[in-house]
PDB file of N, CA and C in Angstrom:
ATOM      1  N   MET A   1     100.472  60.844 -22.050  1.00  0.00           N
ATOM      2  CA  MET A   1     101.725  61.547 -22.056  1.00  0.00           C
ATOM      3  C   MET A   1     102.709  60.924 -21.068  1.00  0.00           C
ATOM      4  N   SER A   2     102.210  60.407 -19.977  1.00  0.00           N
ATOM      5  CA  SER A   2     103.115  59.864 -18.971  1.00  0.00           C
ATOM      6  C   SER A   2     103.778  58.571 -19.451  1.00  0.00           C
ATOM      7  N   ARG A   3     103.159  57.885 -20.414  1.00  0.00           N
ATOM      8  CA  ARG A   3     103.742  56.641 -20.908  1.00  0.00           C
ATOM      9  C   ARG A   3     104.654  56.867 -22.107  1.00  0.00           C
ATOM     10  N   THR A   4     104.704  58.087 -22.634  1.00  0.00           N
ATOM     11  CA  THR A   4     105.552  58.393 -23.782  1.00  0.00           C
ATOM     12  C   THR A   4     106.980  58.600 -23.325  1.00  0.00           C
ATOM     13  N   GLN A   5     107.921  57.953 -24.011  1.00  0.00           N
ATOM     14  CA  GLN A   5     109.323  58.140 -23.682  1.00  0.00           C
ATOM     15  C   GLN A   5     109.729  59.578 -23.958  1.00  0.00           C
ATOM     16  N   LYS A   6     110.627  60.100 -23.134  1.00  0.00           N
ATOM     17  CA  LYS A   6     111.097  61.463 -23.318  1.00  0.00           C
ATOM     18  C   LYS A   6     112.461  61.420 -23.972  1.00  0.00           C
ATOM     19  N   ASN A   7     112.517  61.773 -25.246  1.00  0.00           N
ATOM     20  CA  ASN A   7     113.776  61.868 -25.963  1.00  0.00           C
ATOM     21  C   ASN A   7     113.616  62.883 -27.094  1.00  0.00           C
ATOM     22  N   LYS A   8     114.655  63.038 -27.897  1.00  0.00           N
ATOM     23  CA  LYS A   8     114.619  64.042 -28.960  1.00  0.00           C
ATOM     24  C   LYS A   8     113.512  63.780 -29.969  1.00  0.00           C
ATOM     25  N   ALA A   9     113.237  62.527 -30.234  1.00  0.00           N
ATOM     26  CA  ALA A   9     112.235  62.185 -31.241  1.00  0.00           C
ATOM     27  C   ALA A   9     110.814  62.506 -30.786  1.00  0.00           C
ATOM     28  N   THR A  10     110.537  62.424 -29.496  1.00  0.00           N
ATOM     29  CA  THR A  10     109.176  62.655 -29.004  1.00  0.00           C
ATOM     30  C   THR A  10     108.989  64.041 -28.392  1.00  0.00           C
ATOM     31  N   GLU A  11     110.049  64.846 -28.381  1.00  0.00           N
ATOM     32  CA  GLU A  11     109.976  66.161 -27.742  1.00  0.00           C
ATOM     33  C   GLU A  11     108.922  67.054 -28.405  1.00  0.00           C
ATOM     34  N   HIS A  12     108.869  67.051 -29.739  1.00  0.00           N
ATOM     35  CA  HIS A  12     107.896  67.881 -30.454  1.00  0.00           C
ATOM     36  C   HIS A  12     106.468  67.406 -30.164  1.00  0.00           C
ATOM     37  N   HIS A  13     106.280  66.103 -30.153  1.00  0.00           N
ATOM     38  CA  HIS A  13     104.956  65.543 -29.876  1.00  0.00           C
ATOM     39  C   HIS A  13     104.464  65.925 -28.482  1.00  0.00           C
ATOM     40  N   LEU A  14     105.335  65.797 -27.483  1.00  0.00           N
ATOM     41  CA  LEU A  14     104.953  66.152 -26.114  1.00  0.00           C
ATOM     42  C   LEU A  14     104.677  67.643 -25.995  1.00  0.00           C
ATOM     43  N   GLY A  15     105.461  68.470 -26.675  1.00  0.00           N
ATOM     44  CA  GLY A  15     105.225  69.909 -26.657  1.00  0.00           C
ATOM     45  C   GLY A  15     103.880  70.270 -27.259  1.00  0.00           C
ATOM     46  N   ALA A  16     103.522  69.605 -28.349  1.00  0.00           N
ATOM     47  CA  ALA A  16     102.225  69.858 -28.985  1.00  0.00           C
ATOM     48  C   ALA A  16     101.080  69.454 -28.064  1.00  0.00           C
ATOM     49  N   LEU A  17     101.233  68.327 -27.370  1.00  0.00           N
ATOM     50  CA  LEU A  17     100.195  67.892 -26.433  1.00  0.00           C
ATOM     51  C   LEU A  17     100.048  68.873 -25.272  1.00  0.00           C
ATOM     52  N   LYS A  18     101.182  69.351 -24.743  1.00  0.00           N
ATOM     53  CA  LYS A  18     101.123  70.312 -23.642  1.00  0.00           C
ATOM     54  C   LYS A  18     100.480  71.619 -24.094  1.00  0.00           C
ATOM     55  N   ALA A  19     100.780  72.055 -25.318  1.00  0.00           N
ATOM     56  CA  ALA A  19     100.173  73.288 -25.838  1.00  0.00           C
ATOM     57  C   ALA A  19      98.670  73.111 -26.005  1.00  0.00           C
ATOM     58  N   ARG A  20      98.251  71.939 -26.472  1.00  0.00           N
ATOM     59  CA  ARG A  20      96.826  71.676 -26.642  1.00  0.00           C
ATOM     60  C   ARG A  20      96.105  71.674 -25.287  1.00  0.00           C
ATOM     61  N   LEU A  21      96.747  71.050 -24.272  1.00  0.00           N
ATOM     62  CA  LEU A  21      96.159  71.047 -22.932  1.00  0.00           C
ATOM     63  C   LEU A  21      96.049  72.461 -22.366  1.00  0.00           C
ATOM     64  N   ALA A  22      97.078  73.273 -22.572  1.00  0.00           N
ATOM     65  CA  ALA A  22      97.043  74.651 -22.081  1.00  0.00           C
ATOM     66  C   ALA A  22      95.924  75.440 -22.750  1.00  0.00           C
ATOM     67  N   LYS A  23      95.743  75.226 -24.046  1.00  0.00           N
ATOM     68  CA  LYS A  23      94.673  75.918 -24.767  1.00  0.00           C
ATOM     69  C   LYS A  23      93.297  75.505 -24.224  1.00  0.00           C
ATOM     70  N   LEU A  24      93.106  74.219 -24.010  1.00  0.00           N
ATOM     71  CA  LEU A  24      91.825  73.741 -23.493  1.00  0.00           C
ATOM     72  C   LEU A  24      91.571  74.243 -22.070  1.00  0.00           C
ATOM     73  N   ARG A  25      92.637  74.310 -21.254  1.00  0.00           N
ATOM     74  CA  ARG A  25      92.467  74.828 -19.898  1.00  0.00           C
ATOM     75  C   ARG A  25      92.086  76.299 -19.915  1.00  0.00           C
ATOM     76  N   SER A  26      92.727  77.073 -20.805  1.00  0.00           N
ATOM     77  CA  SER A  26      92.389  78.498 -20.864  1.00  0.00           C
ATOM     78  C   SER A  26      90.953  78.696 -21.341  1.00  0.00           C
ATOM     79  N   GLU A  27      90.512  77.862 -22.281  1.00  0.00           N
ATOM     80  CA  GLU A  27      89.110  77.934 -22.719  1.00  0.00           C
ATOM     81  C   GLU A  27      88.167  77.578 -21.576  1.00  0.00           C
ATOM     82  N   LEU A  28      88.553  76.598 -20.783  1.00  0.00           N
ATOM     83  CA  LEU A  28      87.739  76.194 -19.639  1.00  0.00           C
ATOM     84  C   LEU A  28      87.628  77.337 -18.639  1.00  0.00           C
ATOM     85  N   LEU A  29      88.731  78.029 -18.401  1.00  0.00           N
ATOM     86  CA  LEU A  29      88.701  79.160 -17.480  1.00  0.00           C
ATOM     87  C   LEU A  29      87.865  80.308 -18.020  1.00  0.00           C
ATOM     88  N   LEU A  30      87.910  80.536 -19.332  1.00  0.00           N
ATOM     89  CA  LEU A  30      87.092  81.591 -19.921  1.00  0.00           C
ATOM     90  C   LEU A  30      85.607  81.270 -19.780  1.00  0.00           C
ATOM     91  N   GLU A  31      85.255  79.998 -19.952  1.00  0.00           N
ATOM     92  CA  GLU A  31      83.858  79.599 -19.801  1.00  0.00           C
ATOM     93  C   GLU A  31      83.379  79.795 -18.374  1.00  0.00           C
ATOM     94  N   THR A  32      84.203  79.423 -17.402  1.00  0.00           N
ATOM     95  CA  THR A  32      83.772  79.544 -16.008  1.00  0.00           C
ATOM     96  C   THR A  32      83.734  81.000 -15.572  1.00  0.00           C
ATOM     97  N   SER A  33      84.614  81.844 -16.125  1.00  0.00           N
ATOM     98  CA  SER A  33      84.604  83.245 -15.722  1.00  0.00           C
ATOM     99  C   SER A  33      83.472  84.011 -16.402  1.00  0.00           C
ATOM    100  N   SER A  34      82.944  83.499 -17.527  1.00  0.00           N
ATOM    101  CA  SER A  34      81.877  84.200 -18.223  1.00  0.00           C
ATOM    102  C   SER A  34      80.492  83.795 -17.731  1.00  0.00           C
ATOM    103  N   LYS A  35      80.410  82.909 -16.748  1.00  0.00           N
ATOM    104  CA  LYS A  35      79.114  82.469 -16.237  1.00  0.00           C
ATOM    105  C   LYS A  35      78.415  83.531 -15.428  1.00  0.00           C
ATOM    106  N   GLY A  36      79.159  84.490 -14.955  1.00  0.00           N
ATOM    107  CA  GLY A  36      78.509  85.561 -14.216  1.00  0.00           C
ATOM    108  C   GLY A  36      79.307  85.954 -12.999  1.00  0.00           C
ATOM    109  N   PRO A  37      78.949  87.095 -12.420  1.00  0.00           N
ATOM    110  CA  PRO A  37      79.665  87.530 -11.229  1.00  0.00           C
ATOM    111  C   PRO A  37      79.341  86.645 -10.036  1.00  0.00           C
ATOM    112  N   GLY A  38      80.325  86.429  -9.229  1.00  0.00           N
ATOM    113  CA  GLY A  38      80.111  85.647  -8.024  1.00  0.00           C
ATOM    114  C   GLY A  38      80.328  84.156  -8.187  1.00  0.00           C
ATOM    115  N   SER A  39      80.467  83.702  -9.445  1.00  0.00           N
ATOM    116  CA  SER A  39      80.708  82.268  -9.617  1.00  0.00           C
ATOM    117  C   SER A  39      82.192  81.990  -9.440  1.00  0.00           C
ATOM    118  N   SER A  40      82.477  80.980  -8.662  1.00  0.00           N
ATOM    119  CA  SER A  40      83.881  80.658  -8.420  1.00  0.00           C
ATOM    120  C   SER A  40      84.257  79.437  -9.238  1.00  0.00           C
ATOM    121  N   GLY A  41      85.129  79.626 -10.230  1.00  0.00           N
ATOM    122  CA  GLY A  41      85.597  78.522 -11.054  1.00  0.00           C
ATOM    123  C   GLY A  41      86.754  77.806 -10.386  1.00  0.00           C
ATOM    124  N   THR A  42      86.956  76.595 -10.783  1.00  0.00           N
ATOM    125  CA  THR A  42      88.076  75.851 -10.237  1.00  0.00           C
ATOM    126  C   THR A  42      89.302  76.116 -11.087  1.00  0.00           C
ATOM    127  N   GLY A  43      90.427  76.333 -10.443  1.00  0.00           N
ATOM    128  CA  GLY A  43      91.675  76.589 -11.144  1.00  0.00           C
ATOM    129  C   GLY A  43      92.433  75.305 -11.378  1.00  0.00           C
ATOM    130  N   PHE A  44      93.635  75.459 -11.830  1.00  0.00           N
ATOM    131  CA  PHE A  44      94.479  74.302 -12.055  1.00  0.00           C
ATOM    132  C   PHE A  44      95.922  74.684 -11.787  1.00  0.00           C
ATOM    133  N   GLU A  45      96.725  73.690 -11.528  1.00  0.00           N
ATOM    134  CA  GLU A  45      98.150  73.884 -11.313  1.00  0.00           C
ATOM    135  C   GLU A  45      98.905  72.898 -12.182  1.00  0.00           C
ATOM    136  N   VAL A  46     100.055  73.310 -12.656  1.00  0.00           N
ATOM    137  CA  VAL A  46     100.907  72.437 -13.440  1.00  0.00           C
ATOM    138  C   VAL A  46     101.990  71.908 -12.510  1.00  0.00           C
ATOM    139  N   ALA A  47     102.067  70.612 -12.389  1.00  0.00           N
ATOM    140  CA  ALA A  47     103.059  70.006 -11.503  1.00  0.00           C
ATOM    141  C   ALA A  47     104.453  70.157 -12.096  1.00  0.00           C
ATOM    142  N   ARG A  48     105.416  70.452 -11.244  1.00  0.00           N
ATOM    143  CA  ARG A  48     106.801  70.546 -11.699  1.00  0.00           C
ATOM    144  C   ARG A  48     107.330  69.151 -11.958  1.00  0.00           C
ATOM    145  N   SER A  49     108.088  69.033 -13.026  1.00  0.00           N
ATOM    146  CA  SER A  49     108.687  67.736 -13.326  1.00  0.00           C
ATOM    147  C   SER A  49     110.045  67.959 -13.972  1.00  0.00           C
ATOM    148  N   GLY A  50     110.999  67.134 -13.618  1.00  0.00           N
ATOM    149  CA  GLY A  50     112.320  67.191 -14.228  1.00  0.00           C
ATOM    150  C   GLY A  50     113.196  68.278 -13.640  1.00  0.00           C
ATOM    151  N   ASP A  51     114.350  68.425 -14.227  1.00  0.00           N
ATOM    152  CA  ASP A  51     115.315  69.425 -13.807  1.00  0.00           C
ATOM    153  C   ASP A  51     115.293  70.592 -14.790  1.00  0.00           C
ATOM    154  N   GLY A  52     115.547  71.769 -14.266  1.00  0.00           N
ATOM    155  CA  GLY A  52     115.645  72.933 -15.135  1.00  0.00           C
ATOM    156  C   GLY A  52     117.041  73.048 -15.714  1.00  0.00           C
ATOM    157  N   ARG A  53     117.127  73.633 -16.892  1.00  0.00           N
ATOM    158  CA  ARG A  53     118.426  73.835 -17.531  1.00  0.00           C
ATOM    159  C   ARG A  53     118.597  75.312 -17.835  1.00  0.00           C
ATOM    160  N   VAL A  54     119.801  75.790 -17.555  1.00  0.00           N
ATOM    161  CA  VAL A  54     120.116  77.191 -17.782  1.00  0.00           C
ATOM    162  C   VAL A  54     121.454  77.265 -18.495  1.00  0.00           C
ATOM    163  N   ALA A  55     121.574  78.169 -19.457  1.00  0.00           N
ATOM    164  CA  ALA A  55     122.844  78.380 -20.154  1.00  0.00           C
ATOM    165  C   ALA A  55     123.304  79.803 -19.883  1.00  0.00           C
ATOM    166  N   LEU A  56     124.514  79.936 -19.402  1.00  0.00           N
ATOM    167  CA  LEU A  56     125.116  81.250 -19.192  1.00  0.00           C
ATOM    168  C   LEU A  56     126.177  81.455 -20.260  1.00  0.00           C
ATOM    169  N   ILE A  57     125.940  82.415 -21.131  1.00  0.00           N
ATOM    170  CA  ILE A  57     126.854  82.668 -22.236  1.00  0.00           C
ATOM    171  C   ILE A  57     127.416  84.070 -22.073  1.00  0.00           C
ATOM    172  N   GLY A  58     128.717  84.201 -22.219  1.00  0.00           N
ATOM    173  CA  GLY A  58     129.330  85.513 -22.110  1.00  0.00           C
ATOM    174  C   GLY A  58     130.831  85.441 -22.272  1.00  0.00           C
ATOM    175  N   PHE A  59     131.452  86.592 -22.257  1.00  0.00           N
ATOM    176  CA  PHE A  59     132.890  86.680 -22.401  1.00  0.00           C
ATOM    177  C   PHE A  59     133.576  86.107 -21.166  1.00  0.00           C
ATOM    178  N   PRO A  60     134.855  85.747 -21.302  1.00  0.00           N
ATOM    179  CA  PRO A  60     135.601  85.254 -20.143  1.00  0.00           C
ATOM    180  C   PRO A  60     135.734  86.328 -19.067  1.00  0.00           C
ATOM    181  N   SER A  61     135.767  85.899 -17.835  1.00  0.00           N
ATOM    182  CA  SER A  61     136.002  86.770 -16.676  1.00  0.00           C
ATOM    183  C   SER A  61     134.957  87.873 -16.514  1.00  0.00           C
ATOM    184  N   VAL A  62     133.696  87.537 -16.743  1.00  0.00           N
ATOM    185  CA  VAL A  62     132.636  88.521 -16.512  1.00  0.00           C
ATOM    186  C   VAL A  62     131.757  88.146 -15.328  1.00  0.00           C
ATOM    187  N   GLY A  63     132.036  86.987 -14.685  1.00  0.00           N
ATOM    188  CA  GLY A  63     131.313  86.635 -13.469  1.00  0.00           C
ATOM    189  C   GLY A  63     130.240  85.586 -13.625  1.00  0.00           C
ATOM    190  N   LYS A  64     130.294  84.777 -14.678  1.00  0.00           N
ATOM    191  CA  LYS A  64     129.278  83.728 -14.858  1.00  0.00           C
ATOM    192  C   LYS A  64     129.311  82.727 -13.709  1.00  0.00           C
ATOM    193  N   SER A  65     130.489  82.275 -13.345  1.00  0.00           N
ATOM    194  CA  SER A  65     130.607  81.301 -12.249  1.00  0.00           C
ATOM    195  C   SER A  65     130.224  81.924 -10.915  1.00  0.00           C
ATOM    196  N   SER A  66     130.598  83.165 -10.709  1.00  0.00           N
ATOM    197  CA  SER A  66     130.245  83.841  -9.460  1.00  0.00           C
ATOM    198  C   SER A  66     128.730  83.992  -9.343  1.00  0.00           C
ATOM    199  N   LEU A  67     128.076  84.327 -10.439  1.00  0.00           N
ATOM    200  CA  LEU A  67     126.618  84.443 -10.438  1.00  0.00           C
ATOM    201  C   LEU A  67     125.975  83.101 -10.129  1.00  0.00           C
ATOM    202  N   LEU A  68     126.455  82.048 -10.774  1.00  0.00           N
ATOM    203  CA  LEU A  68     125.899  80.718 -10.539  1.00  0.00           C
ATOM    204  C   LEU A  68     126.118  80.275  -9.101  1.00  0.00           C
ATOM    205  N   ASN A  69     127.307  80.538  -8.548  1.00  0.00           N
ATOM    206  CA  ASN A  69     127.594  80.172  -7.157  1.00  0.00           C
ATOM    207  C   ASN A  69     126.713  80.958  -6.193  1.00  0.00           C
ATOM    208  N   THR A  70     126.454  82.224  -6.492  1.00  0.00           N
ATOM    209  CA  THR A  70     125.600  83.036  -5.624  1.00  0.00           C
ATOM    210  C   THR A  70     124.146  82.561  -5.681  1.00  0.00           C
ATOM    211  N   LEU A  71     123.670  82.259  -6.869  1.00  0.00           N
ATOM    212  CA  LEU A  71     122.281  81.821  -7.016  1.00  0.00           C
ATOM    213  C   LEU A  71     122.031  80.461  -6.381  1.00  0.00           C
ATOM    214  N   THR A  72     123.005  79.567  -6.474  1.00  0.00           N
ATOM    215  CA  THR A  72     122.818  78.225  -5.931  1.00  0.00           C
ATOM    216  C   THR A  72     123.376  78.076  -4.527  1.00  0.00           C
ATOM    217  N   ASP A  73     123.972  79.139  -4.001  1.00  0.00           N
ATOM    218  CA  ASP A  73     124.547  79.161  -2.656  1.00  0.00           C
ATOM    219  C   ASP A  73     125.566  78.035  -2.473  1.00  0.00           C
ATOM    220  N   THR A  74     126.463  77.926  -3.448  1.00  0.00           N
ATOM    221  CA  THR A  74     127.514  76.922  -3.377  1.00  0.00           C
ATOM    222  C   THR A  74     128.870  77.599  -3.300  1.00  0.00           C
ATOM    223  N   GLY A  75     129.872  76.834  -3.001  1.00  0.00           N
ATOM    224  CA  GLY A  75     131.232  77.356  -2.894  1.00  0.00           C
ATOM    225  C   GLY A  75     132.121  76.755  -3.951  1.00  0.00           C
ATOM    226  N   THR A  76     133.426  76.833  -3.721  1.00  0.00           N
ATOM    227  CA  THR A  76     134.387  76.283  -4.657  1.00  0.00           C
ATOM    228  C   THR A  76     135.308  75.314  -3.929  1.00  0.00           C
ATOM    229  N   TRP A  77     135.913  74.445  -4.682  1.00  0.00           N
ATOM    230  CA  TRP A  77     136.850  73.486  -4.136  1.00  0.00           C
ATOM    231  C   TRP A  77     138.247  74.074  -4.283  1.00  0.00           C
ATOM    232  N   GLY A  78     138.913  74.286  -3.173  1.00  0.00           N
ATOM    233  CA  GLY A  78     140.249  74.871  -3.200  1.00  0.00           C
ATOM    234  C   GLY A  78     141.246  74.004  -2.467  1.00  0.00           C
ATOM    235  N   LYS A  79     142.388  74.590  -2.124  1.00  0.00           N
ATOM    236  CA  LYS A  79     143.453  73.845  -1.434  1.00  0.00           C
ATOM    237  C   LYS A  79     143.004  73.354  -0.069  1.00  0.00           C
ATOM    238  N   GLY A  80     142.229  74.159   0.634  1.00  0.00           N
ATOM    239  CA  GLY A  80     141.805  73.790   1.976  1.00  0.00           C
ATOM    240  C   GLY A  80     140.472  73.081   2.034  1.00  0.00           C
ATOM    241  N   GLY A  81     139.921  72.654   0.923  1.00  0.00           N
ATOM    242  CA  GLY A  81     138.603  72.001   0.890  1.00  0.00           C
ATOM    243  C   GLY A  81     137.556  72.963   0.367  1.00  0.00           C
ATOM    244  N   TRP A  82     136.319  72.721   0.732  1.00  0.00           N
ATOM    245  CA  TRP A  82     135.225  73.578   0.275  1.00  0.00           C
ATOM    246  C   TRP A  82     135.301  74.923   0.961  1.00  0.00           C
ATOM    247  N   ALA A  83     135.092  75.973   0.186  1.00  0.00           N
ATOM    248  CA  ALA A  83     135.127  77.322   0.748  1.00  0.00           C
ATOM    249  C   ALA A  83     133.989  78.124   0.141  1.00  0.00           C
ATOM    250  N   LYS A  84     133.287  78.827   0.981  1.00  0.00           N
ATOM    251  CA  LYS A  84     132.245  79.732   0.499  1.00  0.00           C
ATOM    252  C   LYS A  84     132.910  81.013   0.036  1.00  0.00           C
ATOM    253  N   GLU A  85     132.557  81.469  -1.153  1.00  0.00           N
ATOM    254  CA  GLU A  85     133.146  82.694  -1.641  1.00  0.00           C
ATOM    255  C   GLU A  85     132.339  83.883  -1.169  1.00  0.00           C
ATOM    256  N   GLY A  86     133.016  84.903  -0.742  1.00  0.00           N
ATOM    257  CA  GLY A  86     132.358  86.145  -0.354  1.00  0.00           C
ATOM    258  C   GLY A  86     131.628  86.086   0.968  1.00  0.00           C
ATOM    259  N   LYS A  87     131.821  85.061   1.747  1.00  0.00           N
ATOM    260  CA  LYS A  87     131.088  84.963   3.013  1.00  0.00           C
ATOM    261  C   LYS A  87     132.046  84.729   4.144  1.00  0.00           C
TER     262      LYS A  87
END
């Protein structure tokens, strides 16, 4: 998977591989948890990769930009330079 290019054409293929890996991991966890009480199975973590994408859709003047600025702790560019809003 790491050698596969990431683009629109391979997105479905990579998604299918990730789903298959998740299914196999869950089966592995079920096997280790069914071995009996007191057995400690090894877990797994999924490494973060890439940037997240978020879409804010709504009517004009409902606060989409204000919400985004609050969540990312950013300000706005105005006449006097950068300014934090509401602070």
